[in-house]
Amino acid sequence: MKRVLFVIVIVGLAVGIFLDYGGRQRPIETVSESVSSEIQPREVRPRAVQPRSEPALIPVTLQVLAGVYNKSLLGRKLKVPVGWSISVFASGLGKARMLARDDQGTIYVTGMDKGLVYALADQDEDGVADRNVVFKKGLRKPSGIFWHQGWLYIAEENRVIRVGPPDYKPQVIVRSLPAGGNHVTRTLAVLGGKLYVSVGSSCNVCKDNPRRAAVLEYNLDGSGERVYARGLRNAVGLIAGQDGKLWATDNGRDWLGDDLPPEEVNVVEEGKDYGWPYCYGDRVPDPEFGSPERCNTTEPPTVSFQAHSAPLGLRFLGDSWLGPYRGDLIVASHGSWNRNVPTGYKLIRMKQENGQWLVSDFVTGWRREGEEAWGRPVDVLEGKNGELFISDDLAGVVYLLRPPAGQS
């Protein structure tokens, strides 16, 4: 009898253990905020995945050289790929926004808060701008800037001007852009003999002026306006890619939580609708305006990634790059303003492999966990020797990021 009771007890314990294990939910794995390719909601596609093997990022001290002394930047550290260096090229630029480069290598940057455009030449090529030259002043919130065939095109909140020979007097070529509202920056690109201007929405989410949340197309003299693409809530970054297509970042709407909607990079094509205000992400209906039927007619993002990281300027690395970065897309993540756990404040790298976009950190450190950000990157621009210039509208500087010898 004792033997029978012993067997029953052993069997009961085994069954109890089995049931306990089978009914217990496995712990949910979490992903650190430091990883650039954070988990996205299931509806987002195509999915951006962290590369498995990437050059390591190491902390380096920001080089603040003679002539650009800025006490607040002394001792600051940023993480960059091994062998790279980063220094302050120019400081005292206020709200430094978008960048352009002329045929001689002079860098131009818009000073949005002061209504200025600065010209930053480095004639002795020592990695520091010789001085900050005010190229144009009295502008209304200048942001977008582009050099093309001897002309410097400048986008103000309400118009586009260009400056060139022989007298370098501003010519107003686009008048009465829609102004006011939430998004006042205007960004420029030139492709195929046409001028493109991105105009952000006037609101977080609403039915807006058809010339807003859109990319407008013009002839180079400002004539022939038409809406080229729409549904882009705030495409601050706009470039002509090496593939002959327009590429743009897009900042999604607010107040849907920390992880919705995803931020986007899009190939912008003629006549296409990219969703806002009706949809976000991969054709997901907006809770205020959307419907599945409406969203089925819109374009999904080319690349999607962490919500509220605020992607602004973007740039493809050109043929001068010989290392593993050649042809990759670098995006400036300006950083969140209303996320419970702040995110962004870095440069990210997007690389396409086997039809999939891989996303990883490229330069980080402008904000450390638990601290206030000391810098917010805005735009990136390749220099004539393969280096990268980075604007920062919080620190009021332009940085110079240099790769190791042999990679540019």
Protein backbone atom coordinates (compact mmCIF):
# COMPACT_ATOMS: atom_id res chain seq x y z
CA MET A 1 0.00 0.00 0.00
CA LYS A 2 2.86 2.38 0.82
CA ARG A 3 4.41 1.63 -2.55
CA VAL A 4 1.14 2.54 -4.35
CA LEU A 5 0.85 5.84 -2.44
CA PHE A 6 4.46 6.71 -3.26
CA VAL A 7 3.86 6.16 -6.99
CA ILE A 8 0.71 8.32 -6.92
CA VAL A 9 2.58 11.20 -5.20
CA ILE A 10 5.43 11.08 -7.73
CA VAL A 11 3.04 11.07 -10.71
CA GLY A 12 1.07 13.98 -9.22
CA LEU A 13 4.18 16.07 -8.74
CA ALA A 14 5.29 15.43 -12.34
CA VAL A 15 1.88 16.40 -13.73
CA GLY A 16 1.84 19.55 -11.59
CA ILE A 17 5.25 20.62 -12.80
CA PHE A 18 4.25 20.00 -16.42
CA LEU A 19 1.04 22.02 -16.10
CA ASP A 20 2.83 24.84 -14.30
CA TYR A 21 5.48 25.11 -17.00
CA GLY A 22 3.03 24.79 -19.87
CA GLY A 23 0.72 27.49 -18.55
CA ARG A 24 3.42 29.99 -17.64
CA GLN A 25 4.09 32.83 -20.10
CA ARG A 26 7.72 33.27 -21.10
CA PRO A 27 9.26 36.60 -20.12
CA ILE A 28 9.13 39.28 -22.83
CA GLU A 29 12.53 40.21 -24.20
CA THR A 30 13.25 43.94 -24.22
CA VAL A 31 15.42 45.94 -26.61
CA SER A 32 17.69 48.70 -25.33
CA GLU A 33 16.98 52.28 -26.41
CA SER A 34 20.61 52.47 -27.57
CA VAL A 35 19.88 50.13 -30.47
CA SER A 36 19.08 52.15 -33.58
CA SER A 37 16.68 49.61 -35.12
CA GLU A 38 14.10 49.33 -32.35
CA ILE A 39 11.17 46.94 -32.65
CA GLN A 40 8.40 48.36 -34.78
CA PRO A 41 4.66 47.68 -34.65
CA ARG A 42 3.75 44.64 -36.72
CA GLU A 43 1.95 46.65 -39.37
CA VAL A 44 5.09 48.57 -40.41
CA ARG A 45 6.83 47.41 -43.60
CA PRO A 46 9.36 47.14 -45.05
CA ARG A 47 11.05 46.33 -41.77
CA ALA A 48 14.33 47.95 -40.85
CA VAL A 49 16.67 45.43 -39.22
CA GLN A 50 19.86 46.00 -37.24
CA PRO A 51 22.87 44.64 -39.16
CA ARG A 52 24.56 41.73 -37.42
CA SER A 53 28.13 42.83 -38.16
CA GLU A 54 28.89 46.54 -38.09
CA PRO A 55 32.05 48.52 -37.35
CA ALA A 56 32.07 49.28 -33.63
CA LEU A 57 31.40 52.77 -32.32
CA ILE A 58 33.91 54.13 -29.83
CA PRO A 59 33.83 57.33 -27.75
CA VAL A 60 36.14 60.11 -28.90
CA THR A 61 36.59 63.60 -27.54
CA LEU A 62 35.12 66.30 -29.75
CA GLN A 63 38.01 68.35 -31.09
CA VAL A 64 37.49 72.05 -30.44
CA LEU A 65 40.31 73.76 -32.30
CA ALA A 66 41.72 77.28 -32.17
CA GLY A 67 39.40 79.85 -33.68
CA VAL A 68 36.18 78.04 -32.79
CA TYR A 69 36.45 78.15 -29.01
CA ASN A 70 33.16 77.23 -27.43
CA LYS A 71 33.37 76.55 -23.71
CA SER A 72 30.20 74.45 -23.64
CA LEU A 73 31.71 71.95 -26.09
CA LEU A 74 35.01 71.38 -24.30
CA GLY A 75 35.39 67.78 -23.16
CA ARG A 76 32.26 66.55 -24.94
CA LYS A 77 32.41 63.01 -26.29
CA LEU A 78 30.67 61.41 -29.25
CA LYS A 79 30.70 57.81 -30.41
CA VAL A 80 31.94 57.33 -33.97
CA PRO A 81 33.14 54.34 -36.02
CA VAL A 82 36.62 53.11 -35.09
CA GLY A 83 39.34 55.26 -36.66
CA TRP A 84 37.09 58.23 -37.37
CA SER A 85 37.48 61.71 -35.88
CA ILE A 86 35.04 64.57 -35.30
CA SER A 87 35.76 68.24 -34.71
CA VAL A 88 34.02 71.61 -34.67
CA PHE A 89 34.32 73.19 -38.11
CA ALA A 90 32.46 76.42 -37.24
CA SER A 91 30.57 77.71 -34.19
CA GLY A 92 28.40 80.67 -33.20
CA LEU A 93 25.87 79.91 -35.94
CA GLY A 94 22.67 80.07 -33.90
CA LYS A 95 19.98 77.70 -35.14
CA ALA A 96 22.13 76.13 -37.87
CA ARG A 97 19.92 74.14 -40.24
CA MET A 98 20.49 72.90 -43.79
CA LEU A 99 23.81 72.72 -45.66
CA ALA A 100 25.04 73.29 -49.22
CA ARG A 101 28.46 73.32 -50.92
CA ASP A 102 29.60 75.31 -53.95
CA ASP A 103 32.06 74.24 -56.65
CA GLN A 104 35.04 75.68 -54.71
CA GLY A 105 34.17 73.77 -51.54
CA THR A 106 32.69 76.66 -49.53
CA ILE A 107 30.02 75.42 -47.12
CA TYR A 108 26.76 77.37 -46.74
CA VAL A 109 24.44 76.94 -43.76
CA THR A 110 21.13 78.60 -42.97
CA GLY A 111 20.80 80.38 -39.62
CA MET A 112 17.08 80.05 -39.19
CA ASP A 113 16.62 82.03 -35.99
CA LYS A 114 18.61 85.06 -37.16
CA GLY A 115 17.40 85.10 -40.78
CA LEU A 116 20.92 84.57 -42.14
CA VAL A 117 22.89 82.43 -44.53
CA TYR A 118 26.53 81.89 -43.58
CA ALA A 119 29.40 81.12 -45.95
CA LEU A 120 32.13 78.99 -44.35
CA ALA A 121 35.34 78.72 -46.36
CA ASP A 122 38.42 76.76 -45.27
CA GLN A 123 41.06 78.01 -47.68
CA ASP A 124 44.03 76.65 -45.75
CA GLU A 125 42.26 73.26 -45.35
CA ASP A 126 43.07 72.96 -41.66
CA GLY A 127 39.60 71.61 -40.83
CA VAL A 128 38.33 74.90 -39.39
CA ALA A 129 36.33 77.57 -41.21
CA ASP A 130 38.47 80.68 -41.70
CA ARG A 131 35.59 82.83 -40.43
CA ASN A 132 31.80 83.02 -40.42
CA VAL A 133 30.82 85.25 -43.33
CA VAL A 134 27.22 86.48 -43.42
CA PHE A 135 26.36 85.78 -47.05
CA LYS A 136 22.72 86.94 -46.88
CA LYS A 137 20.62 88.52 -44.13
CA GLY A 138 17.09 89.76 -43.53
CA LEU A 139 15.52 86.44 -44.52
CA ARG A 140 12.33 84.93 -43.10
CA LYS A 141 13.13 81.64 -41.33
CA PRO A 142 15.56 80.39 -44.00
CA SER A 143 16.00 76.62 -43.95
CA GLY A 144 16.45 74.80 -47.27
CA ILE A 145 19.50 75.66 -49.37
CA PHE A 146 20.95 74.22 -52.57
CA TRP A 147 23.81 75.04 -54.94
CA HIS A 148 23.17 74.44 -58.64
CA GLN A 149 25.05 75.68 -61.70
CA GLY A 150 26.44 78.82 -60.06
CA TRP A 151 23.23 79.72 -58.25
CA LEU A 152 22.53 79.41 -54.53
CA TYR A 153 18.85 78.63 -54.00
CA ILE A 154 17.45 79.55 -50.57
CA ALA A 155 14.04 78.56 -49.20
CA GLU A 156 12.39 80.93 -46.74
CA GLU A 157 9.13 80.19 -44.96
CA ASN A 158 7.08 82.03 -47.58
CA ARG A 159 9.21 82.10 -50.74
CA VAL A 160 12.27 80.84 -52.63
CA ILE A 161 15.08 83.12 -53.77
CA ARG A 162 18.28 82.50 -55.69
CA VAL A 163 21.56 84.39 -55.67
CA GLY A 164 24.18 84.32 -58.40
CA PRO A 165 26.35 86.24 -60.86
CA PRO A 166 26.94 88.87 -61.92
CA ASP A 167 25.66 91.04 -59.04
CA TYR A 168 24.56 88.38 -56.51
CA LYS A 169 21.38 90.27 -55.79
CA PRO A 170 18.52 88.01 -54.61
CA GLN A 171 15.98 87.04 -57.25
CA VAL A 172 12.58 86.00 -55.92
CA ILE A 173 11.60 83.00 -58.05
CA VAL A 174 8.77 81.47 -55.97
CA ARG A 175 6.38 83.83 -54.23
CA SER A 176 3.68 83.20 -51.64
CA LEU A 177 4.47 79.73 -50.37
CA PRO A 178 1.88 78.82 -47.72
CA ALA A 179 3.21 80.09 -44.38
CA GLY A 180 2.40 79.89 -40.69
CA GLY A 181 1.18 76.94 -38.67
CA ASN A 182 3.18 74.19 -37.02
CA HIS A 183 5.82 73.55 -39.69
CA VAL A 184 7.66 76.54 -41.13
CA THR A 185 10.76 74.98 -42.72
CA ARG A 186 10.98 74.61 -46.50
CA THR A 187 13.54 72.31 -48.12
CA LEU A 188 14.95 72.30 -51.66
CA ALA A 189 16.25 69.78 -54.16
CA VAL A 190 17.08 69.94 -57.86
CA LEU A 191 16.60 66.92 -60.10
CA GLY A 192 16.27 66.60 -63.86
CA GLY A 193 16.23 70.34 -64.47
CA LYS A 194 13.38 70.88 -62.00
CA LEU A 195 13.25 72.54 -58.59
CA TYR A 196 11.43 70.72 -55.79
CA VAL A 197 10.21 72.34 -52.57
CA SER A 198 8.83 70.44 -49.59
CA VAL A 199 6.19 72.27 -47.55
CA GLY A 200 5.15 70.79 -44.20
CA SER A 201 1.62 70.64 -42.84
CA SER A 202 0.10 73.48 -40.83
CA CYS A 203 -1.03 71.15 -38.05
CA ASN A 204 -0.46 67.83 -36.31
CA VAL A 205 -3.28 66.10 -38.18
CA CYS A 206 -6.01 67.85 -40.18
CA LYS A 207 -7.38 68.36 -43.68
CA ASP A 208 -4.94 70.95 -44.94
CA ASN A 209 -4.21 73.30 -47.82
CA PRO A 210 -3.37 71.06 -50.84
CA ARG A 211 -0.04 72.90 -51.24
CA ARG A 212 0.95 71.77 -47.73
CA ALA A 213 2.15 68.34 -46.60
CA ALA A 214 3.37 68.15 -50.17
CA VAL A 215 6.36 68.39 -52.48
CA LEU A 216 5.90 71.12 -55.09
CA GLU A 217 7.65 71.11 -58.48
CA TYR A 218 8.88 74.18 -60.42
CA ASN A 219 11.04 75.08 -63.34
CA LEU A 220 14.41 76.41 -62.21
CA ASP A 221 13.17 79.98 -62.69
CA GLY A 222 10.22 79.34 -60.35
CA SER A 223 7.55 79.04 -63.03
CA GLY A 224 5.23 76.11 -63.68
CA GLU A 225 4.21 75.20 -60.13
CA ARG A 226 2.39 71.94 -59.58
CA VAL A 227 1.90 69.49 -56.72
CA TYR A 228 4.36 66.67 -57.41
CA ALA A 229 3.48 64.42 -54.43
CA ARG A 230 1.28 64.73 -51.34
CA GLY A 231 0.56 63.11 -47.99
CA LEU A 232 4.03 63.93 -46.57
CA ARG A 233 3.32 65.51 -43.20
CA ASN A 234 6.71 67.16 -42.71
CA ALA A 235 9.40 66.13 -45.19
CA VAL A 236 12.25 68.23 -43.79
CA GLY A 237 14.92 66.23 -45.61
CA LEU A 238 14.71 66.24 -49.43
CA ILE A 239 17.49 65.16 -51.80
CA ALA A 240 18.15 63.88 -55.30
CA GLY A 241 19.48 60.37 -54.85
CA GLN A 242 22.20 58.67 -56.86
CA ASP A 243 19.48 56.54 -58.44
CA GLY A 244 17.92 59.61 -60.09
CA LYS A 245 14.97 59.68 -57.68
CA LEU A 246 13.79 62.08 -55.01
CA TRP A 247 14.24 60.87 -51.44
CA ALA A 248 12.68 62.43 -48.35
CA THR A 249 12.41 61.93 -44.62
CA ASP A 250 8.95 62.32 -43.10
CA ASN A 251 8.02 63.06 -39.50
CA GLY A 252 4.86 61.30 -38.36
CA ARG A 253 2.04 62.77 -36.31
CA ASP A 254 2.06 63.15 -32.51
CA TRP A 255 -0.10 61.88 -29.63
CA LEU A 256 -0.48 58.22 -30.58
CA GLY A 257 1.95 57.04 -27.90
CA ASP A 258 5.69 56.57 -27.70
CA ASP A 259 5.93 54.05 -30.53
CA LEU A 260 3.41 55.21 -33.12
CA PRO A 261 3.53 56.21 -35.85
CA PRO A 262 6.92 55.13 -37.25
CA GLU A 263 9.19 57.71 -38.82
CA GLU A 264 9.79 57.28 -42.54
CA VAL A 265 12.21 57.61 -45.41
CA ASN A 266 10.43 57.62 -48.77
CA VAL A 267 11.22 57.55 -52.45
CA VAL A 268 9.02 60.42 -53.62
CA GLU A 269 7.38 59.77 -56.97
CA GLU A 270 5.19 61.89 -59.19
CA GLY A 271 1.48 61.82 -58.40
CA LYS A 272 1.82 59.55 -55.38
CA ASP A 273 0.01 59.97 -52.05
CA TYR A 274 2.02 59.05 -48.94
CA GLY A 275 -0.93 58.91 -46.58
CA TRP A 276 -1.12 61.88 -44.21
CA PRO A 277 -3.57 62.75 -42.65
CA TYR A 278 -5.54 59.62 -43.46
CA CYS A 279 -2.92 56.94 -42.83
CA TYR A 280 0.49 56.28 -41.32
CA GLY A 281 3.13 53.56 -41.60
CA ASP A 282 2.18 50.75 -43.95
CA ARG A 283 -1.29 52.10 -44.83
CA VAL A 284 -2.60 52.02 -41.26
CA PRO A 285 -5.78 54.15 -40.92
CA ASP A 286 -5.41 57.22 -38.72
CA PRO A 287 -7.85 57.07 -35.79
CA GLU A 288 -9.23 60.52 -36.63
CA PHE A 289 -9.37 60.59 -40.43
CA GLY A 290 -8.49 57.20 -41.86
CA SER A 291 -10.30 54.30 -43.45
CA PRO A 292 -8.95 51.04 -44.93
CA GLU A 293 -10.40 51.92 -48.34
CA ARG A 294 -8.64 55.29 -48.40
CA CYS A 295 -5.37 53.90 -47.11
CA ASN A 296 -5.23 51.16 -49.73
CA THR A 297 -4.59 53.88 -52.33
CA THR A 298 -1.51 55.30 -50.55
CA GLU A 299 2.21 54.49 -50.71
CA PRO A 300 3.92 52.56 -47.89
CA PRO A 301 7.27 53.88 -46.61
CA THR A 302 10.52 52.79 -48.20
CA VAL A 303 12.10 52.51 -44.74
CA SER A 304 10.42 52.87 -41.35
CA PHE A 305 12.02 53.20 -37.94
CA GLN A 306 11.59 54.44 -34.35
CA ALA A 307 8.67 56.80 -33.78
CA HIS A 308 9.36 60.40 -32.72
CA SER A 309 13.09 60.29 -33.47
CA ALA A 310 12.56 63.22 -35.92
CA PRO A 311 14.59 62.38 -39.04
CA LEU A 312 15.65 65.57 -40.83
CA GLY A 313 18.51 65.84 -43.33
CA LEU A 314 19.71 62.83 -45.30
CA ARG A 315 22.53 62.14 -47.74
CA PHE A 316 23.85 59.23 -49.81
CA LEU A 317 27.60 58.66 -49.54
CA GLY A 318 29.02 59.06 -53.03
CA ASP A 319 31.54 57.33 -55.22
CA SER A 320 34.47 58.94 -53.40
CA TRP A 321 33.85 56.52 -50.54
CA LEU A 322 35.95 53.38 -50.91
CA GLY A 323 35.12 51.62 -47.66
CA PRO A 324 32.03 49.70 -46.52
CA TYR A 325 29.94 52.89 -46.39
CA ARG A 326 29.88 53.63 -50.11
CA GLY A 327 26.34 54.21 -51.34
CA ASP A 328 24.84 54.12 -47.84
CA LEU A 329 22.23 56.61 -46.69
CA ILE A 330 23.06 58.75 -43.64
CA VAL A 331 20.12 60.35 -41.81
CA ALA A 332 20.24 63.01 -39.08
CA SER A 333 17.89 62.09 -36.24
CA HIS A 334 17.09 65.41 -34.54
CA GLY A 335 15.57 63.80 -31.44
CA SER A 336 12.15 63.61 -29.81
CA TRP A 337 10.40 66.43 -27.99
CA ASN A 338 7.36 64.70 -26.47
CA ARG A 339 8.30 61.03 -26.02
CA ASN A 340 8.31 59.68 -22.45
CA VAL A 341 11.71 58.09 -23.07
CA PRO A 342 13.60 60.47 -25.40
CA THR A 343 15.06 58.94 -28.54
CA GLY A 344 17.14 60.08 -31.50
CA TYR A 345 19.88 62.74 -31.18
CA LYS A 346 22.23 60.86 -33.50
CA LEU A 347 23.15 59.98 -37.06
CA ILE A 348 21.90 56.69 -38.39
CA ARG A 349 23.12 54.64 -41.31
CA MET A 350 20.81 52.83 -43.73
CA LYS A 351 22.26 50.13 -45.93
CA GLN A 352 20.41 48.03 -48.47
CA GLU A 353 21.31 44.35 -48.69
CA ASN A 354 19.36 41.66 -50.51
CA GLY A 355 16.36 43.93 -50.89
CA GLN A 356 16.20 44.75 -47.17
CA TRP A 357 17.14 47.99 -45.46
CA LEU A 358 19.49 47.58 -42.50
CA VAL A 359 19.58 50.38 -39.95
CA SER A 360 22.36 51.05 -37.43
CA ASP A 361 23.83 53.88 -35.38
CA PHE A 362 26.55 55.92 -37.08
CA VAL A 363 27.32 58.79 -34.66
CA THR A 364 25.79 59.01 -31.17
CA GLY A 365 26.32 60.86 -27.91
CA TRP A 366 24.51 64.19 -28.27
CA ARG A 367 22.26 63.01 -25.47
CA ARG A 368 23.22 60.59 -22.72
CA GLU A 369 20.64 58.59 -20.79
CA GLY A 370 19.16 60.61 -17.94
CA GLU A 371 20.64 63.89 -19.17
CA GLU A 372 19.49 66.78 -21.31
CA ALA A 373 20.67 66.83 -24.92
CA TRP A 374 23.60 69.15 -25.63
CA GLY A 375 23.31 68.83 -29.41
CA ARG A 376 20.69 68.05 -32.07
CA PRO A 377 21.93 67.11 -35.55
CA VAL A 378 19.96 68.57 -38.47
CA ASP A 379 21.68 67.97 -41.80
CA VAL A 380 24.61 66.08 -43.32
CA LEU A 381 26.66 67.03 -46.37
CA GLU A 382 29.57 65.34 -48.10
CA GLY A 383 32.64 67.52 -48.59
CA LYS A 384 34.86 67.63 -51.67
CA ASN A 385 37.36 65.22 -50.07
CA GLY A 386 34.84 62.69 -48.78
CA GLU A 387 34.49 64.13 -45.27
CA LEU A 388 31.05 64.80 -43.76
CA PHE A 389 29.75 68.11 -42.45
CA ILE A 390 26.98 67.97 -39.82
CA SER A 391 24.86 70.94 -38.70
CA ASP A 392 23.52 71.23 -35.15
CA ASP A 393 20.81 73.77 -34.32
CA LEU A 394 21.10 73.37 -30.53
CA ALA A 395 24.87 73.78 -30.17
CA GLY A 396 24.92 76.27 -33.07
CA VAL A 397 27.80 74.59 -34.86
CA VAL A 398 28.87 72.66 -37.93
CA TYR A 399 30.95 69.56 -37.22
CA LEU A 400 33.53 67.92 -39.45
CA LEU A 401 33.48 64.10 -39.42
CA ARG A 402 36.49 62.45 -41.06
CA PRO A 403 36.91 58.76 -41.97
CA PRO A 404 40.17 56.85 -41.67
CA ALA A 405 42.64 57.14 -44.54
CA GLY A 406 41.64 54.95 -47.45
CA GLN A 407 37.90 55.06 -46.83
CA SER A 408 37.24 58.23 -48.81
